Each structure stands twice: as C-alpha cells, then as structure tokens.
N, C-alpha and C. Protein backbone atom coordinates (compact mmCIF):
# COMPACT_ATOMS: atom_id res chain seq x y z
N MET A 1 21.63 52.32 81.95
CA MET A 1 22.82 52.18 81.11
C MET A 1 22.59 52.94 79.80
N LEU A 2 23.56 53.74 79.39
CA LEU A 2 23.46 54.50 78.15
C LEU A 2 24.07 53.71 77.01
N HIS A 3 23.50 53.86 75.82
CA HIS A 3 24.00 53.18 74.64
C HIS A 3 24.23 54.19 73.53
N SER A 4 25.24 53.95 72.74
CA SER A 4 25.48 54.79 71.57
C SER A 4 24.39 54.53 70.54
N PRO A 5 24.21 55.43 69.53
CA PRO A 5 23.20 55.20 68.48
C PRO A 5 23.38 53.85 67.80
N LEU A 6 24.64 53.44 67.56
CA LEU A 6 24.89 52.16 66.92
C LEU A 6 24.43 51.02 67.81
N GLN A 7 24.74 51.14 69.12
CA GLN A 7 24.32 50.09 70.05
C GLN A 7 22.80 50.01 70.13
N ARG A 8 22.15 51.20 70.14
CA ARG A 8 20.68 51.21 70.20
C ARG A 8 20.08 50.55 68.97
N SER A 9 20.68 50.81 67.80
CA SER A 9 20.18 50.19 66.57
C SER A 9 20.32 48.68 66.63
N TYR A 10 21.45 48.23 67.18
CA TYR A 10 21.69 46.80 67.29
C TYR A 10 20.68 46.16 68.25
N LEU A 11 20.42 46.83 69.39
CA LEU A 11 19.46 46.30 70.35
C LEU A 11 18.06 46.28 69.76
N ASN A 12 17.71 47.30 68.98
CA ASN A 12 16.40 47.33 68.34
C ASN A 12 16.28 46.19 67.34
N PHE A 13 17.38 45.91 66.61
CA PHE A 13 17.37 44.80 65.66
C PHE A 13 17.14 43.48 66.38
N ILE A 14 17.81 43.28 67.51
CA ILE A 14 17.63 42.04 68.28
C ILE A 14 16.18 41.91 68.73
N TYR A 15 15.61 43.02 69.21
CA TYR A 15 14.22 42.98 69.67
C TYR A 15 13.29 42.61 68.52
N LEU A 16 13.45 43.26 67.36
CA LEU A 16 12.58 42.98 66.23
C LEU A 16 12.76 41.56 65.73
N HIS A 17 14.00 41.08 65.81
CA HIS A 17 14.30 39.76 65.29
C HIS A 17 13.69 38.67 66.16
N PHE A 18 13.60 38.89 67.46
CA PHE A 18 13.17 37.84 68.37
C PHE A 18 11.81 38.08 69.00
N GLN A 19 11.14 39.15 68.64
CA GLN A 19 9.88 39.44 69.31
C GLN A 19 8.80 38.40 68.97
N ASN A 20 8.95 37.66 67.88
CA ASN A 20 7.99 36.63 67.52
C ASN A 20 8.50 35.22 67.86
N VAL A 21 9.49 35.13 68.72
CA VAL A 21 9.98 33.85 69.21
C VAL A 21 9.35 33.57 70.57
N PHE A 22 8.71 32.40 70.70
CA PHE A 22 7.97 32.08 71.91
C PHE A 22 8.67 30.99 72.71
N HIS A 23 8.47 31.02 74.04
CA HIS A 23 8.94 29.93 74.88
C HIS A 23 7.98 28.74 74.75
N CYS A 24 8.55 27.54 74.84
CA CYS A 24 7.72 26.34 74.75
C CYS A 24 8.43 25.18 75.42
N ASP A 25 7.78 24.53 76.37
CA ASP A 25 8.30 23.30 76.97
C ASP A 25 7.83 22.16 76.07
N PHE A 26 8.68 21.80 75.10
CA PHE A 26 8.23 20.89 74.04
C PHE A 26 7.86 19.52 74.58
N LEU A 27 8.55 19.04 75.60
CA LEU A 27 8.25 17.73 76.15
C LEU A 27 6.84 17.67 76.73
N HIS A 28 6.38 18.79 77.28
CA HIS A 28 5.06 18.81 77.92
C HIS A 28 4.03 19.56 77.07
N LEU A 29 4.37 19.87 75.84
CA LEU A 29 3.44 20.53 74.94
C LEU A 29 2.25 19.62 74.63
N ARG A 30 1.05 20.16 74.77
CA ARG A 30 -0.14 19.39 74.41
C ARG A 30 -0.42 19.56 72.91
N THR A 31 -0.80 18.46 72.27
CA THR A 31 -1.21 18.55 70.87
C THR A 31 -2.70 18.27 70.79
N THR A 32 -3.37 18.97 69.89
CA THR A 32 -4.81 18.86 69.75
C THR A 32 -5.15 18.38 68.34
N GLU A 33 -6.42 18.17 68.10
CA GLU A 33 -6.87 17.77 66.77
C GLU A 33 -6.47 18.85 65.75
N PRO A 34 -6.23 18.45 64.50
CA PRO A 34 -5.87 19.45 63.47
C PRO A 34 -6.94 20.53 63.35
N LEU A 35 -6.51 21.72 63.05
CA LEU A 35 -7.44 22.82 62.86
C LEU A 35 -8.24 22.62 61.58
N GLN A 36 -9.53 22.81 61.67
CA GLN A 36 -10.38 22.71 60.49
C GLN A 36 -10.57 24.11 59.90
N VAL A 37 -9.49 24.60 59.31
CA VAL A 37 -9.52 25.96 58.79
C VAL A 37 -8.87 25.97 57.42
N ALA A 38 -9.15 27.03 56.67
CA ALA A 38 -8.51 27.22 55.37
C ALA A 38 -7.06 27.64 55.58
N ASN A 39 -6.24 27.36 54.57
CA ASN A 39 -4.81 27.66 54.67
C ASN A 39 -4.55 29.14 54.95
N ASP A 40 -5.39 30.02 54.37
CA ASP A 40 -5.12 31.45 54.52
C ASP A 40 -5.46 31.97 55.91
N THR A 41 -6.08 31.13 56.76
CA THR A 41 -6.37 31.56 58.14
C THR A 41 -5.30 31.07 59.12
N MET A 42 -4.35 30.28 58.63
CA MET A 42 -3.30 29.78 59.52
C MET A 42 -2.48 30.93 60.07
N THR A 43 -2.27 31.96 59.26
CA THR A 43 -1.51 33.12 59.73
C THR A 43 -2.20 33.77 60.92
N SER A 44 -3.52 33.85 60.87
CA SER A 44 -4.27 34.42 61.98
C SER A 44 -4.08 33.61 63.25
N PHE A 45 -4.06 32.29 63.09
CA PHE A 45 -3.84 31.43 64.26
C PHE A 45 -2.45 31.67 64.84
N ILE A 46 -1.44 31.72 63.98
CA ILE A 46 -0.08 31.95 64.45
C ILE A 46 0.00 33.29 65.18
N ASN A 47 -0.64 34.30 64.64
CA ASN A 47 -0.60 35.62 65.26
C ASN A 47 -1.33 35.65 66.60
N SER A 48 -2.21 34.69 66.82
CA SER A 48 -2.97 34.66 68.08
C SER A 48 -2.23 33.94 69.20
N LEU A 49 -1.10 33.31 68.88
CA LEU A 49 -0.36 32.57 69.90
C LEU A 49 0.17 33.51 70.98
N ARG A 50 0.24 33.00 72.20
CA ARG A 50 0.74 33.77 73.32
C ARG A 50 1.88 33.00 73.99
N ASP A 51 2.80 33.75 74.56
CA ASP A 51 3.97 33.19 75.21
C ASP A 51 3.67 32.91 76.70
N PRO A 52 3.98 31.71 77.20
CA PRO A 52 4.57 30.55 76.52
C PRO A 52 3.49 29.73 75.81
N ILE A 53 3.90 29.01 74.77
CA ILE A 53 2.97 28.16 74.03
C ILE A 53 2.77 26.86 74.81
N GLU A 54 1.51 26.51 75.08
CA GLU A 54 1.20 25.31 75.85
C GLU A 54 0.53 24.23 75.00
N TRP A 55 0.01 24.59 73.83
CA TRP A 55 -0.63 23.60 72.96
C TRP A 55 -0.49 24.03 71.51
N LEU A 56 -0.49 23.04 70.61
CA LEU A 56 -0.45 23.30 69.17
C LEU A 56 -1.27 22.23 68.47
N PRO A 57 -1.88 22.57 67.32
CA PRO A 57 -2.68 21.58 66.58
C PRO A 57 -1.81 20.62 65.78
N GLU A 58 -2.23 19.38 65.70
CA GLU A 58 -1.49 18.39 64.93
C GLU A 58 -1.64 18.63 63.43
N GLU A 59 -0.69 18.08 62.66
CA GLU A 59 -0.72 18.10 61.20
C GLU A 59 -0.89 19.53 60.65
N SER A 60 -0.18 20.47 61.26
CA SER A 60 -0.38 21.88 60.89
C SER A 60 0.89 22.60 60.48
N PHE A 61 2.05 21.95 60.51
CA PHE A 61 3.30 22.65 60.27
C PHE A 61 4.12 21.94 59.18
N HIS A 62 4.82 22.76 58.40
CA HIS A 62 5.64 22.23 57.32
C HIS A 62 7.02 21.78 57.82
N VAL A 63 7.54 22.45 58.84
CA VAL A 63 8.90 22.20 59.29
C VAL A 63 8.97 22.26 60.81
N VAL A 64 9.69 21.32 61.41
CA VAL A 64 10.07 21.37 62.82
C VAL A 64 11.59 21.27 62.87
N VAL A 65 12.24 22.15 63.63
CA VAL A 65 13.69 22.18 63.71
C VAL A 65 14.13 21.94 65.15
N PHE A 66 14.99 20.94 65.36
CA PHE A 66 15.65 20.70 66.63
C PHE A 66 17.13 21.06 66.44
N SER A 67 17.48 22.29 66.75
CA SER A 67 18.85 22.76 66.56
C SER A 67 19.58 22.78 67.89
N LEU A 68 20.55 21.87 68.04
CA LEU A 68 21.33 21.75 69.28
C LEU A 68 20.40 21.61 70.48
N LEU A 69 19.41 20.73 70.35
CA LEU A 69 18.41 20.53 71.40
C LEU A 69 18.44 19.12 71.98
N LEU A 70 18.35 18.09 71.13
CA LEU A 70 18.11 16.73 71.62
C LEU A 70 19.23 16.25 72.55
N GLU A 71 20.47 16.66 72.28
CA GLU A 71 21.58 16.18 73.10
C GLU A 71 21.54 16.73 74.52
N TYR A 72 20.72 17.75 74.78
CA TYR A 72 20.61 18.30 76.13
C TYR A 72 19.64 17.51 77.01
N PHE A 73 18.82 16.65 76.41
CA PHE A 73 17.94 15.81 77.21
C PHE A 73 18.75 14.69 77.85
N PRO A 74 18.52 14.40 79.12
CA PRO A 74 19.35 13.40 79.81
C PRO A 74 18.98 11.95 79.52
N ALA A 75 17.88 11.70 78.80
CA ALA A 75 17.45 10.32 78.57
C ALA A 75 17.00 10.12 77.13
N PRO A 76 17.30 8.95 76.55
CA PRO A 76 16.86 8.67 75.18
C PRO A 76 15.36 8.79 74.99
N TYR A 77 14.58 8.42 76.01
CA TYR A 77 13.12 8.47 75.86
C TYR A 77 12.64 9.89 75.60
N GLN A 78 13.30 10.88 76.19
CA GLN A 78 12.90 12.26 75.97
C GLN A 78 13.18 12.69 74.53
N ARG A 79 14.29 12.22 73.97
CA ARG A 79 14.59 12.52 72.56
C ARG A 79 13.56 11.84 71.65
N TRP A 80 13.23 10.60 71.98
CA TRP A 80 12.24 9.84 71.23
C TRP A 80 10.89 10.56 71.28
N LEU A 81 10.47 10.97 72.47
CA LEU A 81 9.18 11.65 72.64
C LEU A 81 9.14 12.95 71.83
N SER A 82 10.26 13.68 71.79
CA SER A 82 10.31 14.92 71.02
C SER A 82 10.11 14.65 69.53
N CYS A 83 10.77 13.61 69.02
CA CYS A 83 10.61 13.27 67.60
C CYS A 83 9.21 12.78 67.30
N GLU A 84 8.63 12.02 68.23
CA GLU A 84 7.26 11.55 68.07
C GLU A 84 6.28 12.72 68.04
N LYS A 85 6.52 13.69 68.90
CA LYS A 85 5.65 14.87 68.94
C LYS A 85 5.81 15.70 67.67
N ALA A 86 7.04 15.77 67.16
CA ALA A 86 7.27 16.47 65.90
C ALA A 86 6.47 15.81 64.78
N TRP A 87 6.44 14.47 64.76
CA TRP A 87 5.66 13.75 63.74
C TRP A 87 4.19 14.15 63.84
N ASN A 88 3.66 14.25 65.05
CA ASN A 88 2.25 14.61 65.23
C ASN A 88 1.96 16.02 64.71
N LEU A 89 2.91 16.93 64.89
CA LEU A 89 2.68 18.32 64.51
C LEU A 89 2.84 18.57 63.01
N LEU A 90 3.65 17.75 62.35
CA LEU A 90 3.95 17.99 60.94
C LEU A 90 2.81 17.52 60.03
N MET A 91 2.65 18.26 58.91
CA MET A 91 1.82 17.76 57.82
C MET A 91 2.54 16.59 57.16
N TYR A 92 1.82 15.78 56.41
CA TYR A 92 2.47 14.72 55.66
C TYR A 92 3.42 15.33 54.63
N ASN A 93 4.59 14.70 54.52
CA ASN A 93 5.71 15.22 53.73
C ASN A 93 6.37 16.42 54.39
N GLY A 94 5.96 16.77 55.61
CA GLY A 94 6.64 17.82 56.35
C GLY A 94 8.05 17.38 56.72
N ILE A 95 8.86 18.34 57.11
CA ILE A 95 10.29 18.12 57.31
C ILE A 95 10.68 18.30 58.77
N LEU A 96 11.43 17.32 59.30
CA LEU A 96 12.06 17.42 60.61
C LEU A 96 13.56 17.61 60.41
N VAL A 97 14.09 18.71 60.90
CA VAL A 97 15.52 19.02 60.79
C VAL A 97 16.15 18.85 62.16
N ILE A 98 17.20 18.03 62.23
CA ILE A 98 17.90 17.79 63.49
C ILE A 98 19.36 18.19 63.32
N VAL A 99 19.82 19.08 64.18
CA VAL A 99 21.23 19.50 64.20
C VAL A 99 21.76 19.15 65.58
N THR A 100 22.81 18.33 65.61
CA THR A 100 23.37 17.90 66.90
C THR A 100 24.89 17.92 66.82
N PRO A 101 25.58 18.25 67.89
CA PRO A 101 27.03 18.48 67.81
C PRO A 101 27.86 17.21 67.85
N ASP A 102 29.01 17.27 67.21
CA ASP A 102 30.01 16.20 67.24
C ASP A 102 31.28 16.77 66.63
N SER A 103 32.33 16.89 67.42
CA SER A 103 33.56 17.54 66.96
C SER A 103 34.52 16.58 66.28
N HIS A 104 34.11 15.30 66.09
CA HIS A 104 35.02 14.31 65.51
C HIS A 104 34.75 14.12 64.02
N LYS A 105 35.58 13.30 63.39
CA LYS A 105 35.44 13.02 61.98
C LYS A 105 34.13 12.30 61.71
N GLN A 106 33.76 12.24 60.41
CA GLN A 106 32.45 11.73 60.04
C GLN A 106 32.16 10.33 60.56
N HIS A 107 33.17 9.43 60.53
CA HIS A 107 32.92 8.04 60.85
C HIS A 107 33.14 7.71 62.32
N ARG A 108 33.58 8.66 63.14
CA ARG A 108 33.87 8.38 64.55
C ARG A 108 32.60 7.92 65.28
N ASN A 109 31.49 8.59 65.04
CA ASN A 109 30.23 8.24 65.69
C ASN A 109 29.20 7.77 64.67
N SER A 110 29.67 7.09 63.61
CA SER A 110 28.76 6.65 62.55
C SER A 110 27.73 5.65 63.08
N ALA A 111 28.12 4.81 64.05
CA ALA A 111 27.16 3.86 64.62
C ALA A 111 26.02 4.58 65.31
N MET A 112 26.33 5.67 66.00
CA MET A 112 25.31 6.44 66.68
C MET A 112 24.37 7.09 65.66
N VAL A 113 24.92 7.65 64.58
CA VAL A 113 24.09 8.30 63.56
C VAL A 113 23.16 7.28 62.91
N LYS A 114 23.67 6.08 62.61
CA LYS A 114 22.83 5.03 62.03
C LYS A 114 21.74 4.61 63.01
N SER A 115 22.09 4.57 64.30
CA SER A 115 21.10 4.20 65.32
C SER A 115 19.99 5.24 65.39
N TRP A 116 20.36 6.52 65.36
CA TRP A 116 19.35 7.58 65.33
C TRP A 116 18.45 7.43 64.11
N LYS A 117 19.05 7.16 62.96
CA LYS A 117 18.27 7.01 61.73
C LYS A 117 17.24 5.90 61.88
N THR A 118 17.65 4.75 62.40
CA THR A 118 16.74 3.63 62.58
C THR A 118 15.61 3.99 63.54
N GLY A 119 15.96 4.60 64.67
CA GLY A 119 14.94 4.95 65.65
C GLY A 119 13.96 5.99 65.14
N ILE A 120 14.47 7.04 64.51
CA ILE A 120 13.60 8.12 64.05
C ILE A 120 12.73 7.67 62.89
N GLU A 121 13.30 6.86 61.97
CA GLU A 121 12.50 6.39 60.85
C GLU A 121 11.38 5.46 61.32
N SER A 122 11.59 4.75 62.42
CA SER A 122 10.54 3.86 62.93
C SER A 122 9.32 4.62 63.42
N LEU A 123 9.48 5.91 63.68
CA LEU A 123 8.37 6.75 64.15
C LEU A 123 7.51 7.27 63.00
N GLY A 124 7.93 7.03 61.76
CA GLY A 124 7.16 7.51 60.62
C GLY A 124 7.88 8.59 59.84
N PHE A 125 9.19 8.46 59.72
CA PHE A 125 10.00 9.40 58.95
C PHE A 125 10.86 8.62 57.96
N ARG A 126 11.33 9.31 56.93
CA ARG A 126 12.35 8.78 56.04
C ARG A 126 13.44 9.83 55.93
N ARG A 127 14.69 9.39 56.14
CA ARG A 127 15.77 10.37 56.07
C ARG A 127 15.97 10.81 54.63
N TRP A 128 16.01 12.12 54.44
CA TRP A 128 16.14 12.70 53.12
C TRP A 128 17.55 13.19 52.85
N ARG A 129 18.21 13.69 53.89
CA ARG A 129 19.56 14.22 53.68
C ARG A 129 20.35 14.15 54.98
N TYR A 130 21.66 13.93 54.85
CA TYR A 130 22.56 13.96 55.99
C TYR A 130 23.82 14.71 55.59
N VAL A 131 24.23 15.66 56.44
CA VAL A 131 25.44 16.45 56.21
C VAL A 131 26.27 16.42 57.48
N LYS A 132 27.55 16.10 57.36
CA LYS A 132 28.47 16.17 58.50
C LYS A 132 29.33 17.42 58.35
N GLN A 133 29.09 18.40 59.21
CA GLN A 133 29.94 19.57 59.29
C GLN A 133 31.09 19.28 60.25
N GLU A 134 32.01 20.21 60.40
CA GLU A 134 33.18 19.97 61.25
C GLU A 134 32.77 19.65 62.68
N HIS A 135 31.76 20.34 63.19
CA HIS A 135 31.35 20.14 64.58
C HIS A 135 29.88 19.71 64.70
N LEU A 136 29.25 19.32 63.62
CA LEU A 136 27.81 19.06 63.66
C LEU A 136 27.43 17.85 62.82
N HIS A 137 26.38 17.17 63.25
CA HIS A 137 25.62 16.27 62.39
C HIS A 137 24.33 17.01 62.02
N CYS A 138 24.01 17.05 60.74
CA CYS A 138 22.78 17.70 60.27
C CYS A 138 21.95 16.66 59.52
N MET A 139 20.77 16.37 60.04
CA MET A 139 19.90 15.34 59.46
C MET A 139 18.55 15.93 59.12
N VAL A 140 18.03 15.56 57.96
CA VAL A 140 16.71 16.02 57.52
C VAL A 140 15.84 14.80 57.24
N PHE A 141 14.68 14.73 57.89
CA PHE A 141 13.75 13.63 57.72
C PHE A 141 12.43 14.15 57.17
N ARG A 142 11.77 13.32 56.37
CA ARG A 142 10.46 13.65 55.81
C ARG A 142 9.40 12.77 56.47
N LYS A 143 8.28 13.36 56.86
CA LYS A 143 7.20 12.60 57.48
C LYS A 143 6.48 11.76 56.44
N VAL A 144 6.28 10.48 56.77
CA VAL A 144 5.53 9.56 55.91
C VAL A 144 4.46 8.89 56.75
N PRO A 145 3.45 8.30 56.11
CA PRO A 145 2.41 7.61 56.89
C PRO A 145 2.97 6.42 57.66
N ILE A 146 2.38 6.13 58.80
CA ILE A 146 2.76 4.97 59.60
C ILE A 146 1.48 4.25 60.01
N THR A 147 1.46 2.93 59.89
CA THR A 147 0.28 2.13 60.18
C THR A 147 0.45 1.40 61.51
N GLU A 148 -0.65 0.83 61.98
CA GLU A 148 -0.57 0.03 63.20
C GLU A 148 0.34 -1.18 63.00
N GLU A 149 0.35 -1.73 61.77
CA GLU A 149 1.25 -2.84 61.49
C GLU A 149 2.70 -2.40 61.58
N ASP A 150 2.99 -1.18 61.11
CA ASP A 150 4.36 -0.65 61.24
C ASP A 150 4.76 -0.57 62.71
N LYS A 151 3.84 -0.12 63.56
CA LYS A 151 4.14 -0.01 64.98
C LYS A 151 4.34 -1.40 65.60
N ARG A 152 3.56 -2.38 65.14
CA ARG A 152 3.72 -3.74 65.66
C ARG A 152 5.08 -4.31 65.26
N GLN A 153 5.47 -4.06 64.02
CA GLN A 153 6.77 -4.53 63.55
C GLN A 153 7.90 -3.85 64.31
N ARG A 154 7.70 -2.59 64.63
CA ARG A 154 8.70 -1.87 65.42
C ARG A 154 8.92 -2.56 66.76
N PHE A 155 7.82 -2.96 67.39
CA PHE A 155 7.91 -3.66 68.67
C PHE A 155 8.59 -5.01 68.50
N LEU A 156 8.20 -5.76 67.46
CA LEU A 156 8.76 -7.09 67.24
C LEU A 156 10.24 -7.04 66.92
N LYS A 157 10.68 -5.98 66.27
CA LYS A 157 12.09 -5.84 65.92
C LYS A 157 12.93 -5.30 67.08
N GLY A 158 12.28 -4.99 68.18
CA GLY A 158 13.02 -4.51 69.35
C GLY A 158 13.51 -3.09 69.21
N ILE A 159 12.83 -2.30 68.39
CA ILE A 159 13.21 -0.89 68.23
C ILE A 159 12.65 -0.11 69.41
N THR A 160 13.51 0.53 70.17
CA THR A 160 13.12 1.22 71.39
C THR A 160 13.73 2.62 71.42
N PRO A 161 13.31 3.47 72.34
CA PRO A 161 13.90 4.81 72.47
C PRO A 161 15.40 4.80 72.70
N ASP A 162 15.95 3.68 73.20
CA ASP A 162 17.39 3.62 73.47
C ASP A 162 18.23 3.81 72.22
N LEU A 163 17.62 3.67 71.04
CA LEU A 163 18.37 3.88 69.80
C LEU A 163 18.81 5.33 69.64
N ILE A 164 18.08 6.26 70.26
CA ILE A 164 18.42 7.68 70.11
C ILE A 164 19.30 8.06 71.30
N TYR A 165 20.50 7.53 71.30
CA TYR A 165 21.41 7.70 72.43
C TYR A 165 22.53 8.67 72.09
N ILE A 166 23.21 9.11 73.12
CA ILE A 166 24.46 9.85 72.98
C ILE A 166 25.47 9.18 73.92
N PRO A 167 26.77 9.35 73.69
CA PRO A 167 27.76 8.67 74.53
C PRO A 167 27.60 8.92 76.02
N GLN A 168 27.15 10.12 76.41
CA GLN A 168 27.01 10.39 77.84
C GLN A 168 26.01 9.48 78.53
N ASP A 169 25.08 8.90 77.76
CA ASP A 169 24.11 8.00 78.36
C ASP A 169 24.77 6.79 79.01
N PHE A 170 26.03 6.51 78.62
CA PHE A 170 26.70 5.30 79.08
C PHE A 170 27.79 5.59 80.10
N HIS A 171 27.83 6.81 80.63
CA HIS A 171 28.90 7.15 81.57
C HIS A 171 28.88 6.28 82.82
N ASP A 172 27.69 5.86 83.25
CA ASP A 172 27.59 5.04 84.46
C ASP A 172 27.88 3.56 84.18
N ASP A 173 27.87 3.19 82.91
CA ASP A 173 28.13 1.79 82.55
C ASP A 173 28.88 1.76 81.22
N PRO A 174 30.14 2.18 81.21
CA PRO A 174 30.87 2.32 79.96
C PRO A 174 31.05 1.04 79.17
N GLU A 175 30.88 -0.13 79.80
CA GLU A 175 31.03 -1.38 79.07
C GLU A 175 29.94 -1.55 78.02
N LYS A 176 28.84 -0.82 78.17
CA LYS A 176 27.76 -0.91 77.19
C LYS A 176 28.05 -0.09 75.94
N TYR A 177 29.09 0.66 75.96
CA TYR A 177 29.43 1.52 74.82
C TYR A 177 30.84 1.21 74.37
N ASP A 178 31.09 1.27 73.10
CA ASP A 178 32.42 0.99 72.57
C ASP A 178 33.46 1.87 73.25
N ASN A 179 34.61 1.31 73.62
CA ASN A 179 35.62 2.03 74.36
C ASN A 179 36.06 3.31 73.66
N GLU A 180 36.17 3.24 72.37
CA GLU A 180 36.58 4.44 71.63
C GLU A 180 35.51 5.51 71.67
N ALA A 181 34.25 5.09 71.46
CA ALA A 181 33.16 6.06 71.46
C ALA A 181 32.91 6.60 72.86
N ALA A 182 33.13 5.78 73.89
CA ALA A 182 32.84 6.21 75.26
C ALA A 182 33.70 7.39 75.68
N SER A 183 34.87 7.56 75.05
CA SER A 183 35.75 8.66 75.40
C SER A 183 35.45 9.92 74.60
N THR A 184 34.44 9.83 73.70
CA THR A 184 34.12 10.96 72.84
C THR A 184 33.55 12.12 73.64
N GLU A 185 34.08 13.30 73.41
CA GLU A 185 33.51 14.50 74.01
C GLU A 185 32.39 14.97 73.09
N PHE A 186 31.16 14.62 73.43
CA PHE A 186 30.03 14.83 72.54
C PHE A 186 28.86 15.40 73.33
N GLY A 187 28.08 16.25 72.67
CA GLY A 187 26.81 16.64 73.24
C GLY A 187 26.89 17.73 74.28
N PHE A 188 26.26 17.53 75.45
CA PHE A 188 26.00 18.63 76.36
C PHE A 188 26.96 18.71 77.52
N SER A 189 28.17 18.10 77.42
CA SER A 189 29.09 18.14 78.54
C SER A 189 29.48 19.57 78.87
N ASP A 190 29.79 19.81 80.14
CA ASP A 190 30.10 21.16 80.59
C ASP A 190 31.28 21.76 79.84
N GLN A 191 32.31 20.91 79.54
CA GLN A 191 33.50 21.45 78.89
C GLN A 191 33.20 21.94 77.48
N ASN A 192 32.20 21.34 76.84
CA ASN A 192 31.96 21.66 75.44
C ASN A 192 30.84 22.65 75.21
N GLU A 193 30.03 22.92 76.22
CA GLU A 193 28.84 23.73 76.00
C GLU A 193 29.19 25.09 75.41
N GLN A 194 30.15 25.80 76.00
CA GLN A 194 30.51 27.11 75.49
C GLN A 194 31.16 27.01 74.11
N PHE A 195 31.93 25.94 73.91
CA PHE A 195 32.57 25.74 72.61
C PHE A 195 31.52 25.65 71.50
N TYR A 196 30.49 24.85 71.72
CA TYR A 196 29.48 24.69 70.69
C TYR A 196 28.67 25.96 70.49
N HIS A 197 28.43 26.69 71.56
CA HIS A 197 27.74 27.97 71.42
C HIS A 197 28.55 28.93 70.56
N ASN A 198 29.88 28.87 70.69
CA ASN A 198 30.74 29.80 69.96
C ASN A 198 31.00 29.40 68.52
N HIS A 199 30.95 28.09 68.23
CA HIS A 199 31.38 27.62 66.92
C HIS A 199 30.30 26.90 66.14
N ALA A 200 29.63 25.94 66.77
CA ALA A 200 28.74 25.07 66.01
C ALA A 200 27.57 25.82 65.39
N GLN A 201 27.10 26.86 66.04
CA GLN A 201 25.93 27.56 65.52
C GLN A 201 26.19 28.25 64.19
N PHE A 202 27.47 28.44 63.83
CA PHE A 202 27.79 29.09 62.57
C PHE A 202 27.99 28.08 61.44
N GLU A 203 27.74 26.80 61.69
CA GLU A 203 28.05 25.77 60.71
C GLU A 203 26.81 25.12 60.12
N LEU A 204 25.63 25.73 60.23
CA LEU A 204 24.45 25.14 59.64
C LEU A 204 24.66 25.00 58.14
N PRO A 205 24.22 23.88 57.54
CA PRO A 205 24.53 23.61 56.13
C PRO A 205 23.88 24.60 55.19
N LEU A 206 24.63 24.99 54.16
CA LEU A 206 24.13 25.84 53.10
C LEU A 206 23.83 24.99 51.88
N ALA A 207 23.13 25.58 50.92
CA ALA A 207 22.73 24.82 49.74
C ALA A 207 23.93 24.29 48.99
N ASN A 208 25.05 25.04 49.00
CA ASN A 208 26.24 24.64 48.28
C ASN A 208 27.35 24.20 49.23
N SER A 209 26.95 23.57 50.35
CA SER A 209 27.94 23.17 51.35
C SER A 209 28.98 22.23 50.76
N ASP A 210 30.24 22.43 51.18
CA ASP A 210 31.32 21.58 50.74
C ASP A 210 31.56 20.42 51.70
N SER A 211 30.74 20.31 52.74
CA SER A 211 30.93 19.28 53.75
C SER A 211 30.62 17.90 53.16
N GLU A 212 31.13 16.86 53.86
CA GLU A 212 30.83 15.50 53.47
C GLU A 212 29.33 15.27 53.61
N GLU A 213 28.74 14.61 52.62
CA GLU A 213 27.29 14.53 52.59
C GLU A 213 26.86 13.19 52.03
N SER A 214 25.77 12.67 52.56
CA SER A 214 25.19 11.45 52.00
C SER A 214 23.69 11.60 51.97
N VAL A 215 23.07 11.00 50.98
CA VAL A 215 21.62 11.05 50.84
C VAL A 215 21.13 9.63 50.77
N SER A 216 20.09 9.31 51.56
CA SER A 216 19.52 7.97 51.50
C SER A 216 18.03 8.04 51.80
C-alpha cells in the first residue's frame, strides 16, 4: 500500500509514540520484591523491559492508570485483584488513577461510585479526587500504609470484592440491583463499546476542568 508524505509522517508519529508501549496481562502479572537500586538506575531497568511484560518489582512506581479497563472484567474479583496489584506496585503516596465510563448524570450511579470508593480504600488507598465528566467517572487514589489489623477489620466489616461492581454484574439476577440502576447502559456492553471509544477517551480531566467535582 502506498502512502502520501503526510500519511507516512503520521504513521511514523504513531510508531514513535507507541514503540515504548508494552503488552501486559495485568491479572496474571507476577510481582517481585522491590528493586534494591538507586533511583537513577530505574531508567535502566525500564529500558531493559521486553514485550510482553510478565513481572514487575513492587513499590517501584509513582502512578498506575486504569483507563477504561476495569469495566471490561466480567467479575468484581478481577477488578479487586487489579487494584490490589496496583497497590503492591506503587510506592507509598503513589497514585492510582481510575477512569471508567458512565453516560448518565453524576448522581445516577452515585451508589456504585461510593461502593467502589469503600472497596478500593479498604485495600490501602485514600481517595484524593473525583471528577464526573459527561461520559466518565474519574477517580484518583493515593496509596497509604495498611496493617494486618486493617485487613482484619475489613473482613469483620464484610468488605468484599463485590463492592467493585458494575450494573452488568446483576443481569442474571436484576432483583439484586436497584431497578433504575439495572437499566443503566454502563461499562462494556456491545452497544456502547464503540461509543466510548469515539467519545469518552477525549474527556480525560484537565487541570482546569469545568466538570462537577468533589474531593474527599
């Protein structure tokens, strides 16, 4: 296939932009002990990575981003495991950014957002910022220490992976979900997948976003 000079430049830009993006099966990613290296050697480690990535050292990263990812997992436990693994990989005070789709008004799925907050914070995070865009929920959590007593209290309080749910989880048993929420077109449904690819990806929050926002 022949390309014009402009097309070739665009293709070259895409290649340069993505050549350092690696495949990774995050659910099955192995985590290892933290690297005992100086900060200035971390770049060398990153440059030594090979595609696909099968393991990463714990407590070695400042930021983990789940952008339009968690809602594609078919079970709450997989979302929980991903957040737990993010906690292992982050340095203390590191940031977990979660972007997940929702085309409704801010309060339509507010119970779900609060449930996610409770579940994710129980893993050793504190929510730092929340932004509701037109088609997105954007949540930022900060990693904090978690003790064995915290984990025991989590068990005693009945906090389980089921807190990180999406409405589709209840399609087989809609009585377990509020009738209004059960009809919500949310997440990874076939009808919405192309819509979110076309629209939601352009709505990531900016520093001066005018969207509805809360901080807690």
